[in-house]
Amino acid sequence: MEKFPFVSIVVSNYNGWKLNVLSSCLESLFKLDYPAYEVILVDNCSTDGSVDEVEKLFGSNAKLKIIRHGENRYSKGLNEGAKASRGKYVVYFNNDIVANPAYLKEAIDVFEERDDVAILQGKLLSYFDHSKIDSIGETMDLFGNPITIGWGESDAGQYEKPMEILSASGSASIVRKSLFDEIGYFGEEYFIGYEDMDLSLRARLKGYKVLYTPKAIVYHMRGVTDLSDELRVRVRWHFNKNRIMTMVKNYSIGSLFKALPVTIMIYLLTFIWESIIKKNPRLGWTRVTAILWNLKKLGVICKERARIQSGLRTTTVKEIMSLMPQKTLLNNF
């Protein structure tokens, strides 16, 4: 067990300077109480001068490496960061995260003690109110409805023990780098949304654990990076298509036949609700076009499913399903 294994911190950024979050994030990372790490800023084609401003403020810091990614494609940027990293572990932060100085030490100690853990998440608290929980893990119900565990709860000691979670939050998580060699990187076809859930499910199907640890603390500025209505519609579309794709790739046949028809029905009903009742047809169409995209890509998705199901499965479906909520969230479309 290494005392201080080298760690690579990958920060994903798009226009974080204009949003006044990026400098706070990087400042906190350069104050971490850990001796062996690098910070890799992956800039996803920002238009606000983020890279120039970071170079002015932090360019002299030897720990910093900057990757100018040529497109605003979140999941591909995550992979670019991992491929450029030198660490035994890859820490992922969105640009709206501020880290507690002890974060790395607390998290890496857990990894070094547990060879069965491939992905880890610490406690995410609200940046604006440290008494409120932002996330202690992610899960979803059988129909793919996403659920952030602990969100909005007062931090009253109810999550002070490590526990298994279905998936780690994409906002702040750590991946054992060797995992990428075993199961592949983040799916670049995801663009944004569910790529963290997909990676966690693939890790679990390989037999690894995804763990929450309470002592590794970061603070999340949730909502600050929400941008234009146009971008929100695009992000919603990616989330909608990726939800279906994640189910097709990772569910057992039995679970898929049980869940997928209901999910499709939810999409169609939501399309009617958003288009006619809410009078927002652009948002409603993201449901229909998400279904059509998956039909168009079905051959590719099924090929990836075959690889996952035949080559990786060492964990029972029952074990994975036990980490999903017993009650479904059909009202959370």
Protein backbone atom coordinates (compact mmCIF):
# COMPACT_ATOMS: atom_id res chain seq x y z
CA MET A 1 0.00 0.00 0.00
CA GLU A 2 1.48 3.30 -1.16
CA LYS A 3 1.32 6.16 1.30
CA PHE A 4 0.77 8.83 -1.36
CA PRO A 5 0.10 7.31 -4.79
CA PHE A 6 0.16 9.87 -7.59
CA VAL A 7 -3.28 11.26 -8.46
CA SER A 8 -4.55 13.09 -11.53
CA ILE A 9 -7.37 15.60 -11.07
CA VAL A 10 -9.35 16.26 -14.26
CA VAL A 11 -11.46 19.42 -14.25
CA SER A 12 -14.07 19.67 -16.99
CA ASN A 13 -14.76 23.26 -18.04
CA TYR A 14 -17.03 25.13 -20.40
CA ASN A 15 -17.21 28.91 -19.92
CA GLY A 16 -16.46 28.54 -16.23
CA TRP A 17 -14.64 31.86 -16.05
CA LYS A 18 -17.68 33.85 -17.17
CA LEU A 19 -19.78 31.96 -14.64
CA ASN A 20 -17.30 32.86 -11.88
CA VAL A 21 -16.78 29.27 -10.73
CA LEU A 22 -13.53 28.12 -12.32
CA SER A 23 -11.10 30.22 -10.29
CA SER A 24 -12.63 29.08 -6.97
CA CYS A 25 -12.43 25.45 -8.10
CA LEU A 26 -8.77 25.64 -9.11
CA GLU A 27 -7.75 27.66 -6.06
CA SER A 28 -9.17 24.93 -3.81
CA LEU A 29 -7.35 22.20 -5.74
CA PHE A 30 -3.97 23.87 -5.37
CA LYS A 31 -4.53 23.99 -1.59
CA LEU A 32 -5.15 20.25 -1.18
CA ASP A 33 -3.34 18.60 1.72
CA TYR A 34 -1.77 15.92 -0.47
CA PRO A 35 1.78 15.88 -1.88
CA ALA A 36 1.51 13.94 -5.15
CA TYR A 37 -0.97 15.14 -7.75
CA GLU A 38 -1.47 17.01 -10.98
CA VAL A 39 -4.40 19.13 -12.16
CA ILE A 40 -5.55 18.69 -15.76
CA LEU A 41 -7.96 21.34 -16.98
CA VAL A 42 -9.93 20.05 -19.96
CA ASP A 43 -11.48 23.06 -21.64
CA ASN A 44 -14.39 22.05 -23.86
CA CYS A 45 -14.10 24.83 -26.44
CA SER A 46 -15.01 27.70 -24.10
CA THR A 47 -15.86 31.05 -25.68
CA ASP A 48 -15.29 33.20 -22.58
CA GLY A 49 -11.49 33.23 -22.50
CA SER A 50 -11.33 30.63 -19.73
CA VAL A 51 -7.97 29.22 -20.81
CA ASP A 52 -6.30 32.61 -21.18
CA GLU A 53 -7.50 33.71 -17.75
CA VAL A 54 -6.37 30.46 -16.12
CA GLU A 55 -2.95 30.77 -17.71
CA LYS A 56 -2.62 34.32 -16.35
CA LEU A 57 -3.63 33.34 -12.83
CA PHE A 58 -2.30 29.79 -12.44
CA GLY A 59 0.07 29.26 -15.38
CA SER A 60 3.19 29.28 -13.23
CA ASN A 61 1.95 26.37 -11.12
CA ALA A 62 3.88 23.24 -12.10
CA LYS A 63 0.96 21.01 -11.14
CA LEU A 64 -1.27 22.47 -13.87
CA LYS A 65 -1.73 21.02 -17.34
CA ILE A 66 -4.26 22.46 -19.82
CA ILE A 67 -5.93 20.55 -22.64
CA ARG A 68 -7.76 22.65 -25.20
CA HIS A 69 -10.48 20.29 -26.38
CA GLY A 70 -11.74 21.22 -29.84
CA GLU A 71 -15.44 20.66 -29.13
CA ASN A 72 -17.95 21.02 -26.33
CA ARG A 73 -18.43 17.30 -25.80
CA TYR A 74 -18.38 16.49 -22.11
CA SER A 75 -17.86 12.72 -22.13
CA LYS A 76 -15.11 12.88 -24.73
CA GLY A 77 -13.37 15.55 -22.67
CA LEU A 78 -13.43 13.26 -19.64
CA ASN A 79 -11.64 10.62 -21.69
CA GLU A 80 -9.08 13.09 -23.03
CA GLY A 81 -8.24 13.99 -19.45
CA ALA A 82 -7.86 10.37 -18.39
CA LYS A 83 -5.65 9.52 -21.37
CA ALA A 84 -3.35 12.45 -20.58
CA SER A 85 -3.17 11.59 -16.87
CA ARG A 86 -0.21 10.05 -15.03
CA GLY A 87 -1.98 9.08 -11.83
CA LYS A 88 -2.92 5.75 -10.34
CA TYR A 89 -6.31 7.35 -9.71
CA VAL A 90 -8.25 9.85 -11.82
CA VAL A 91 -10.30 12.39 -9.89
CA TYR A 92 -13.10 14.07 -11.83
CA PHE A 93 -14.42 17.50 -10.88
CA ASN A 94 -16.87 19.72 -12.68
CA ASN A 95 -15.84 23.36 -12.65
CA ASP A 96 -18.47 24.24 -10.02
CA ILE A 97 -16.83 22.13 -7.27
CA VAL A 98 -14.73 23.46 -4.39
CA ALA A 99 -12.70 20.83 -2.53
CA ASN A 100 -12.01 20.50 1.18
CA PRO A 101 -8.20 20.40 1.72
CA ALA A 102 -8.35 16.85 3.15
CA TYR A 103 -10.47 15.49 0.27
CA LEU A 104 -7.75 13.61 -1.59
CA LYS A 105 -6.11 12.02 1.43
CA GLU A 106 -9.42 10.78 2.83
CA ALA A 107 -10.54 9.35 -0.52
CA ILE A 108 -7.26 7.74 -1.58
CA ASP A 109 -6.86 6.03 1.80
CA VAL A 110 -10.12 4.17 1.11
CA PHE A 111 -8.94 3.08 -2.34
CA GLU A 112 -5.61 1.86 -1.04
CA GLU A 113 -7.35 -0.28 1.60
CA ARG A 114 -9.94 -1.78 -0.79
CA ASP A 115 -8.85 -3.46 -4.01
CA ASP A 116 -12.47 -4.26 -4.83
CA VAL A 117 -13.44 -0.57 -5.12
CA ALA A 118 -13.16 0.85 -8.65
CA ILE A 119 -15.16 4.10 -8.31
CA LEU A 120 -15.61 6.27 -5.25
CA GLN A 121 -17.58 9.32 -4.22
CA GLY A 122 -17.22 11.51 -1.17
CA LYS A 123 -19.82 13.69 0.49
CA LEU A 124 -21.03 16.56 -1.69
CA LEU A 125 -22.40 19.46 0.34
CA SER A 126 -24.05 22.62 -0.94
CA TYR A 127 -21.49 25.36 -1.49
CA PHE A 128 -24.08 27.94 -0.49
CA ASP A 129 -25.20 26.14 2.69
CA HIS A 130 -22.72 23.64 4.13
CA SER A 131 -25.43 22.15 6.35
CA LYS A 132 -27.30 20.85 3.29
CA ILE A 133 -26.40 17.69 1.37
CA ASP A 134 -25.99 17.92 -2.37
CA SER A 135 -25.27 14.24 -3.05
CA ILE A 136 -23.92 11.15 -1.37
CA GLY A 137 -24.40 9.02 -4.46
CA GLU A 138 -26.55 8.41 -7.50
CA THR A 139 -29.07 5.72 -8.30
CA MET A 140 -32.05 5.23 -10.60
CA ASP A 141 -35.23 3.22 -10.51
CA LEU A 142 -35.94 0.29 -12.81
CA PHE A 143 -37.29 2.63 -15.50
CA GLY A 144 -34.15 4.75 -15.57
CA ASN A 145 -35.45 7.71 -13.56
CA PRO A 146 -32.36 9.35 -12.00
CA ILE A 147 -32.22 9.88 -8.23
CA THR A 148 -29.63 11.86 -6.29
CA ILE A 149 -29.30 10.28 -2.85
CA GLY A 150 -29.54 12.75 0.01
CA TRP A 151 -30.16 15.83 -2.13
CA GLY A 152 -31.61 18.73 -0.12
CA GLU A 153 -31.44 16.92 3.23
CA SER A 154 -29.91 18.54 6.28
CA ASP A 155 -26.58 16.94 7.13
CA ALA A 156 -27.50 15.53 10.54
CA GLY A 157 -25.11 12.56 10.62
CA GLN A 158 -27.39 10.16 8.75
CA TYR A 159 -24.69 9.43 6.15
CA GLU A 160 -21.60 9.04 8.32
CA LYS A 161 -20.85 5.44 7.38
CA PRO A 162 -19.32 4.25 4.11
CA MET A 163 -21.81 2.42 1.91
CA GLU A 164 -22.20 0.97 -1.55
CA ILE A 165 -23.98 3.12 -4.11
CA LEU A 166 -25.17 2.29 -7.59
CA SER A 167 -23.22 5.13 -9.20
CA ALA A 168 -20.98 8.02 -8.24
CA SER A 169 -21.90 11.61 -9.07
CA GLY A 170 -20.31 12.94 -12.23
CA SER A 171 -19.78 16.26 -10.45
CA ALA A 172 -17.08 14.83 -8.18
CA SER A 173 -15.85 11.25 -8.30
CA ILE A 174 -12.69 9.16 -8.42
CA VAL A 175 -11.90 6.25 -10.74
CA ARG A 176 -9.13 3.70 -10.37
CA LYS A 177 -7.30 4.31 -13.64
CA SER A 178 -6.72 0.61 -14.35
CA LEU A 179 -10.50 0.25 -14.66
CA PHE A 180 -10.42 1.97 -18.05
CA ASP A 181 -8.11 -0.75 -19.39
CA GLU A 182 -10.56 -3.42 -18.24
CA ILE A 183 -13.95 -2.01 -19.24
CA GLY A 184 -13.21 0.93 -21.53
CA TYR A 185 -13.64 4.66 -21.08
CA PHE A 186 -16.72 6.84 -20.80
CA GLY A 187 -19.05 6.34 -23.75
CA GLU A 188 -18.34 9.26 -26.07
CA GLU A 189 -21.70 8.77 -27.78
CA TYR A 190 -23.29 9.95 -24.53
CA PHE A 191 -22.05 13.54 -24.98
CA ILE A 192 -23.46 14.46 -21.54
CA GLY A 193 -25.75 12.65 -19.08
CA TYR A 194 -25.74 9.05 -17.76
CA GLU A 195 -22.11 8.52 -18.80
CA ASP A 196 -21.24 8.21 -15.10
CA MET A 197 -24.07 5.73 -14.50
CA ASP A 198 -23.03 3.67 -17.51
CA LEU A 199 -19.41 3.48 -16.32
CA SER A 200 -20.52 2.49 -12.82
CA LEU A 201 -22.83 -0.23 -14.11
CA ARG A 202 -20.08 -1.64 -16.32
CA ALA A 203 -17.69 -1.63 -13.35
CA ARG A 204 -20.27 -3.48 -11.25
CA LEU A 205 -20.84 -6.04 -13.99
CA LYS A 206 -17.09 -6.65 -13.88
CA GLY A 207 -17.43 -7.39 -10.16
CA TYR A 208 -16.12 -4.13 -8.68
CA LYS A 209 -17.72 -1.96 -6.01
CA VAL A 210 -18.80 1.67 -6.21
CA LEU A 211 -18.49 3.26 -2.80
CA TYR A 212 -19.51 6.37 -0.88
CA THR A 213 -17.16 7.60 1.83
CA PRO A 214 -18.26 10.42 4.17
CA LYS A 215 -14.90 11.91 5.14
CA ALA A 216 -13.94 13.08 1.65
CA ILE A 217 -15.87 16.35 1.38
CA VAL A 218 -16.42 18.78 -1.48
CA TYR A 219 -18.84 21.66 -2.03
CA HIS A 220 -21.06 21.93 -5.10
CA MET A 221 -22.42 25.14 -6.63
CA ARG A 222 -25.43 23.33 -8.07
CA GLY A 223 -27.35 25.33 -10.67
CA VAL A 224 -24.71 27.99 -11.28
CA THR A 225 -23.60 26.46 -14.60
CA ASP A 226 -27.11 26.31 -16.09
CA LEU A 227 -26.87 28.29 -19.30
CA SER A 228 -29.24 29.31 -22.09
CA ASP A 229 -32.62 27.77 -22.81
CA GLU A 230 -31.20 26.48 -26.09
CA LEU A 231 -28.40 24.62 -24.31
CA ARG A 232 -30.79 23.25 -21.69
CA VAL A 233 -32.97 21.73 -24.42
CA ARG A 234 -29.92 20.11 -26.01
CA VAL A 235 -28.78 18.72 -22.66
CA ARG A 236 -32.29 17.37 -21.97
CA TRP A 237 -32.22 15.57 -25.32
CA HIS A 238 -28.91 13.91 -24.50
CA PHE A 239 -30.19 12.82 -21.09
CA ASN A 240 -33.32 11.36 -22.70
CA LYS A 241 -31.47 9.36 -25.36
CA ASN A 242 -28.78 8.24 -22.91
CA ARG A 243 -31.29 6.91 -20.40
CA ILE A 244 -32.61 4.43 -22.96
CA MET A 245 -29.15 3.53 -24.21
CA THR A 246 -27.88 2.85 -20.68
CA MET A 247 -30.77 0.47 -20.00
CA VAL A 248 -30.30 -1.41 -23.30
CA LYS A 249 -26.56 -1.80 -22.76
CA ASN A 250 -26.53 -2.85 -19.10
CA TYR A 251 -29.84 -4.46 -18.09
CA SER A 252 -30.50 -8.19 -18.16
CA ILE A 253 -32.95 -9.34 -20.82
CA GLY A 254 -35.65 -9.91 -18.21
CA SER A 255 -35.24 -6.47 -16.66
CA LEU A 256 -35.07 -4.83 -20.06
CA PHE A 257 -38.33 -6.38 -21.29
CA LYS A 258 -39.99 -5.35 -18.04
CA ALA A 259 -38.71 -1.78 -17.95
CA LEU A 260 -38.14 -0.53 -21.50
CA PRO A 261 -41.78 -0.58 -22.73
CA VAL A 262 -42.83 1.41 -19.67
CA THR A 263 -40.03 3.92 -20.23
CA ILE A 264 -41.06 4.36 -23.88
CA MET A 265 -44.67 4.88 -22.78
CA ILE A 266 -43.51 7.49 -20.25
CA TYR A 267 -41.63 9.31 -23.02
CA LEU A 268 -44.65 9.40 -25.31
CA LEU A 269 -46.99 10.59 -22.57
CA THR A 270 -44.47 13.23 -21.52
CA PHE A 271 -44.18 14.37 -25.13
CA ILE A 272 -47.93 15.03 -25.15
CA TRP A 273 -47.80 16.75 -21.74
CA GLU A 274 -44.88 19.03 -22.57
CA SER A 275 -46.03 19.81 -26.11
CA ILE A 276 -49.74 20.39 -25.57
CA ILE A 277 -50.35 21.07 -21.88
CA LYS A 278 -47.11 22.91 -21.14
CA LYS A 279 -46.98 24.38 -24.68
CA ASN A 280 -43.27 23.66 -25.01
CA PRO A 281 -43.04 21.46 -28.13
CA ARG A 282 -39.24 21.87 -28.43
CA LEU A 283 -38.84 20.23 -25.05
CA GLY A 284 -41.48 17.61 -25.82
CA TRP A 285 -39.78 16.58 -29.04
CA THR A 286 -36.63 15.67 -27.13
CA ARG A 287 -38.52 12.54 -25.99
CA VAL A 288 -39.57 11.41 -29.46
CA THR A 289 -36.24 12.17 -31.12
CA ALA A 290 -34.44 10.37 -28.28
CA ILE A 291 -36.41 7.20 -29.11
CA LEU A 292 -35.68 7.63 -32.82
CA TRP A 293 -31.96 8.13 -32.16
CA ASN A 294 -31.77 4.85 -30.24
CA LEU A 295 -33.61 3.03 -33.03
CA LYS A 296 -31.16 4.44 -35.58
CA LYS A 297 -28.17 3.40 -33.44
CA LEU A 298 -29.68 0.11 -32.26
CA GLY A 299 -27.17 -2.08 -34.10
CA VAL A 300 -24.19 -0.30 -32.54
CA ILE A 301 -25.79 -0.26 -29.09
CA CYS A 302 -26.62 -3.96 -29.25
CA LYS A 303 -23.05 -4.76 -30.29
CA GLU A 304 -21.78 -2.89 -27.23
CA ARG A 305 -24.38 -4.67 -25.10
CA ALA A 306 -23.13 -8.05 -26.31
CA ARG A 307 -19.58 -7.13 -25.32
CA ILE A 308 -20.66 -5.99 -21.87
CA GLN A 309 -23.00 -8.87 -21.13
CA SER A 310 -20.72 -11.65 -22.38
CA GLY A 311 -17.27 -10.34 -21.57
CA LEU A 312 -17.75 -8.47 -18.31
CA ARG A 313 -20.53 -10.04 -16.30
CA THR A 314 -19.39 -11.45 -12.95
CA THR A 315 -22.02 -9.78 -10.75
CA THR A 316 -25.60 -10.96 -10.43
CA VAL A 317 -28.40 -8.73 -11.63
CA LYS A 318 -30.06 -9.15 -8.24
CA GLU A 319 -27.09 -7.51 -6.50
CA ILE A 320 -27.22 -4.49 -8.80
CA MET A 321 -31.00 -4.17 -8.58
CA SER A 322 -30.77 -4.20 -4.78
CA LEU A 323 -29.10 -0.77 -5.02
CA MET A 324 -32.09 0.65 -6.86
CA PRO A 325 -35.02 2.09 -4.87
CA GLN A 326 -37.86 -0.30 -4.15
CA LYS A 327 -40.40 2.36 -5.12
CA THR A 328 -40.19 3.69 -8.67
CA LEU A 329 -40.39 7.35 -9.54
CA LEU A 330 -42.82 7.36 -12.42
CA ASN A 331 -43.65 10.95 -11.60
CA ASN A 332 -40.04 12.03 -12.10
CA PHE A 333 -39.85 12.17 -15.86
